[in-house]
Amino acid sequence: MEPWDEVTGLYNRAFFLHRLDSAVSALKDNGQSLFAVLALSPDRYELVSHESGARHANDFLHALGALIQSCVRPTDTIARFEADRFFILIEQAPGLSIPEMIAARIQQKLRSGTPEGSNALFASSIGVLLCDERYHNVDEIVRDAAAACARARALGPDSCLTFDHESIKQGAAPA
């Protein structure tokens, strides 16, 4: 099975989950440095797909993948996770500064112009999750990163939200 997504040329979900599992194992087994996961969902993608068709939507996703790739470090792993959702694994992230800087860089680059080949107004919602010893498997990480992304999307276009473990402990939605 190929590790590549056919549309974007980035890694696919299966490869990303394998890399994420390796990061979880390294953290548990060796106490290696913390890592972060960003979940990114383009705002208004459904509009692009519906109005312009599948081919244009695929071109749009390819251009978005290239734009994301230009904003991360060479050691970071980017994958098209599902239809219009991208995940980024940021290893060696001792705190939130690096993942939040990368999220801000992506959003700034998107604000400066639409991805090549697209006429759509473009923005993205990004969820940021710092992973530590609380996490025991990839499903928990994917769940919380996706929740942060969904919450960011609910705040409105071009939003970024960092997952807050304290809010979860108190029974509130992530803020």
Protein backbone atom coordinates (compact mmCIF):
# COMPACT_ATOMS: atom_id res chain seq x y z
CA MET A 1 0.00 0.00 0.00
CA GLU A 2 1.34 3.39 -0.99
CA PRO A 3 1.84 5.98 1.78
CA TRP A 4 0.76 8.83 -0.52
CA ASP A 5 -2.55 10.56 -1.06
CA GLU A 6 -3.30 10.55 -4.80
CA VAL A 7 -4.85 14.04 -4.87
CA THR A 8 -2.34 16.04 -2.84
CA GLY A 9 0.87 14.01 -3.06
CA LEU A 10 1.11 14.27 0.74
CA TYR A 11 1.07 11.31 3.09
CA ASN A 12 -2.22 9.50 3.54
CA ARG A 13 -4.18 8.76 6.72
CA ALA A 14 -2.70 5.28 7.23
CA PHE A 15 0.88 6.54 7.05
CA PHE A 16 0.09 9.47 9.34
CA LEU A 17 -1.45 7.16 11.94
CA HIS A 18 1.65 4.96 11.76
CA ARG A 19 3.92 7.98 12.38
CA LEU A 20 1.64 9.19 15.16
CA ASP A 21 1.72 5.76 16.81
CA SER A 22 5.53 5.85 16.69
CA ALA A 23 5.52 9.26 18.38
CA VAL A 24 3.16 7.99 21.11
CA SER A 25 5.37 4.93 21.67
CA ALA A 26 8.53 7.03 21.87
CA LEU A 27 6.92 9.32 24.42
CA LYS A 28 5.67 6.41 26.56
CA ASP A 29 8.76 4.21 26.28
CA ASN A 30 11.58 6.72 26.35
CA GLY A 31 10.03 9.87 27.71
CA GLN A 32 11.12 11.57 24.51
CA SER A 33 10.02 15.10 23.85
CA LEU A 34 6.42 16.15 23.54
CA PHE A 35 4.81 16.48 20.16
CA ALA A 36 1.83 18.31 18.73
CA VAL A 37 -0.87 17.61 16.19
CA LEU A 38 -2.63 20.24 14.11
CA ALA A 39 -5.96 19.45 12.46
CA LEU A 40 -6.79 21.80 9.59
CA SER A 41 -10.06 22.11 7.74
CA PRO A 42 -10.50 24.60 4.90
CA ASP A 43 -13.44 26.92 5.43
CA ARG A 44 -15.97 27.03 2.61
CA TYR A 45 -14.52 23.94 0.90
CA GLU A 46 -18.00 22.55 0.37
CA LEU A 47 -18.83 25.66 -1.66
CA VAL A 48 -15.77 25.17 -3.89
CA SER A 49 -16.59 21.50 -4.38
CA HIS A 50 -20.27 22.04 -5.03
CA GLU A 51 -19.95 25.02 -7.38
CA SER A 52 -16.83 24.02 -9.28
CA GLY A 53 -16.93 20.23 -9.39
CA ALA A 54 -14.66 17.44 -8.25
CA ARG A 55 -11.72 18.20 -10.55
CA HIS A 56 -11.46 21.82 -9.42
CA ALA A 57 -11.93 20.73 -5.80
CA ASN A 58 -9.04 18.27 -6.18
CA ASP A 59 -6.84 20.99 -7.71
CA PHE A 60 -7.77 23.18 -4.76
CA LEU A 61 -6.80 20.46 -2.25
CA HIS A 62 -3.51 19.87 -4.07
CA ALA A 63 -2.68 23.58 -3.93
CA LEU A 64 -3.66 23.75 -0.26
CA GLY A 65 -1.39 20.79 0.52
CA ALA A 66 1.53 22.52 -1.18
CA LEU A 67 0.82 25.71 0.74
CA ILE A 68 0.73 23.84 4.07
CA GLN A 69 3.95 22.06 3.17
CA SER A 70 5.65 25.42 2.60
CA CYS A 71 4.78 26.48 6.17
CA VAL A 72 6.08 23.54 8.20
CA ARG A 73 9.51 22.24 9.13
CA PRO A 74 11.11 19.49 7.01
CA THR A 75 10.74 17.06 9.93
CA ASP A 76 6.98 17.58 10.29
CA THR A 77 4.57 15.04 8.80
CA ILE A 78 1.59 16.34 6.80
CA ALA A 79 -1.26 14.14 5.65
CA ARG A 80 -4.55 14.51 3.93
CA PHE A 81 -6.53 12.77 6.62
CA GLU A 82 -10.00 12.72 5.13
CA ALA A 83 -11.85 14.45 2.31
CA ASP A 84 -10.97 18.03 3.19
CA ARG A 85 -9.11 17.63 6.47
CA PHE A 86 -5.35 17.73 6.89
CA PHE A 87 -3.36 16.66 9.94
CA ILE A 88 0.18 17.75 10.79
CA LEU A 89 2.45 15.92 13.23
CA ILE A 90 4.97 18.26 14.82
CA GLU A 91 7.59 16.24 16.65
CA GLN A 92 9.95 17.76 19.21
CA ALA A 93 7.50 20.42 20.32
CA PRO A 94 8.34 21.10 23.98
CA GLY A 95 5.49 23.57 24.27
CA LEU A 96 2.81 25.35 22.29
CA SER A 97 5.07 27.99 20.75
CA ILE A 98 6.17 25.94 17.71
CA PRO A 99 2.75 24.46 16.80
CA GLU A 100 0.99 27.79 17.31
CA MET A 101 3.64 29.55 15.21
CA ILE A 102 3.13 27.01 12.40
CA ALA A 103 -0.66 27.42 12.60
CA ALA A 104 -0.28 31.21 12.44
CA ARG A 105 2.11 30.90 9.48
CA ILE A 106 -0.39 28.75 7.58
CA GLN A 107 -3.26 31.14 8.24
CA GLN A 108 -1.16 34.18 7.31
CA LYS A 109 -0.09 32.59 4.05
CA LEU A 110 -3.71 31.72 3.26
CA ARG A 111 -4.79 35.30 4.00
CA SER A 112 -2.20 36.62 1.56
CA GLY A 113 -3.84 34.89 -1.38
CA THR A 114 -5.83 31.93 -2.52
CA PRO A 115 -4.05 28.70 -3.35
CA GLU A 116 -3.02 28.59 -6.97
CA GLY A 117 -5.77 27.41 -9.26
CA SER A 118 -8.61 28.57 -7.04
CA ASN A 119 -10.95 31.53 -7.29
CA ALA A 120 -12.49 30.89 -3.88
CA LEU A 121 -12.05 33.09 -0.88
CA PHE A 122 -9.87 30.99 1.33
CA ALA A 123 -9.39 30.53 5.04
CA SER A 124 -8.99 27.58 7.36
CA SER A 125 -9.93 26.44 10.82
CA ILE A 126 -7.07 24.92 12.76
CA GLY A 127 -7.11 22.90 15.96
CA VAL A 128 -3.85 22.65 17.91
CA LEU A 129 -3.17 19.81 20.34
CA LEU A 130 -0.06 19.42 22.49
CA CYS A 131 0.42 15.72 23.23
CA ASP A 132 1.93 14.53 26.47
CA GLU A 133 1.82 11.51 28.76
CA ARG A 134 -1.98 11.81 29.10
CA TYR A 135 -2.33 10.23 25.68
CA HIS A 136 -2.07 6.46 25.36
CA ASN A 137 -3.18 5.87 21.78
CA VAL A 138 -3.68 7.57 18.44
CA ASP A 139 -7.48 7.49 18.65
CA GLU A 140 -7.45 9.82 21.65
CA ILE A 141 -5.14 12.22 19.87
CA VAL A 142 -7.14 12.25 16.65
CA ARG A 143 -10.35 12.76 18.64
CA ASP A 144 -9.01 15.75 20.57
CA ALA A 145 -7.28 17.38 17.57
CA ALA A 146 -10.49 17.01 15.54
CA ALA A 147 -12.51 18.44 18.44
CA ALA A 148 -10.23 21.48 18.59
CA CYS A 149 -10.60 21.95 14.83
CA ALA A 150 -14.38 21.64 15.00
CA ARG A 151 -14.52 24.15 17.85
CA ALA A 152 -12.28 26.55 15.88
CA ARG A 153 -14.60 26.19 12.89
CA ALA A 154 -17.60 27.01 15.11
CA LEU A 155 -15.90 30.27 16.08
CA GLY A 156 -16.02 31.39 12.45
CA PRO A 157 -13.80 31.44 9.38
CA ASP A 158 -10.04 31.69 9.80
CA SER A 159 -10.04 30.59 13.45
CA CYS A 160 -7.43 28.71 15.40
CA LEU A 161 -8.03 27.04 18.74
CA THR A 162 -5.70 25.21 21.11
CA PHE A 163 -7.20 22.21 22.88
CA ASP A 164 -7.63 22.86 26.60
CA HIS A 165 -7.41 19.81 28.85
CA GLU A 166 -8.65 21.75 31.89
CA SER A 167 -11.97 22.57 30.19
CA ILE A 168 -12.46 18.89 29.45
CA LYS A 169 -11.81 17.92 33.07
CA GLN A 170 -14.49 20.38 34.16
CA GLY A 171 -16.97 18.92 31.66
CA ALA A 172 -16.96 21.94 29.33
CA ALA A 173 -16.28 21.93 25.61
CA PRO A 174 -12.68 22.62 24.59
CA ALA A 175 -11.93 26.32 24.48
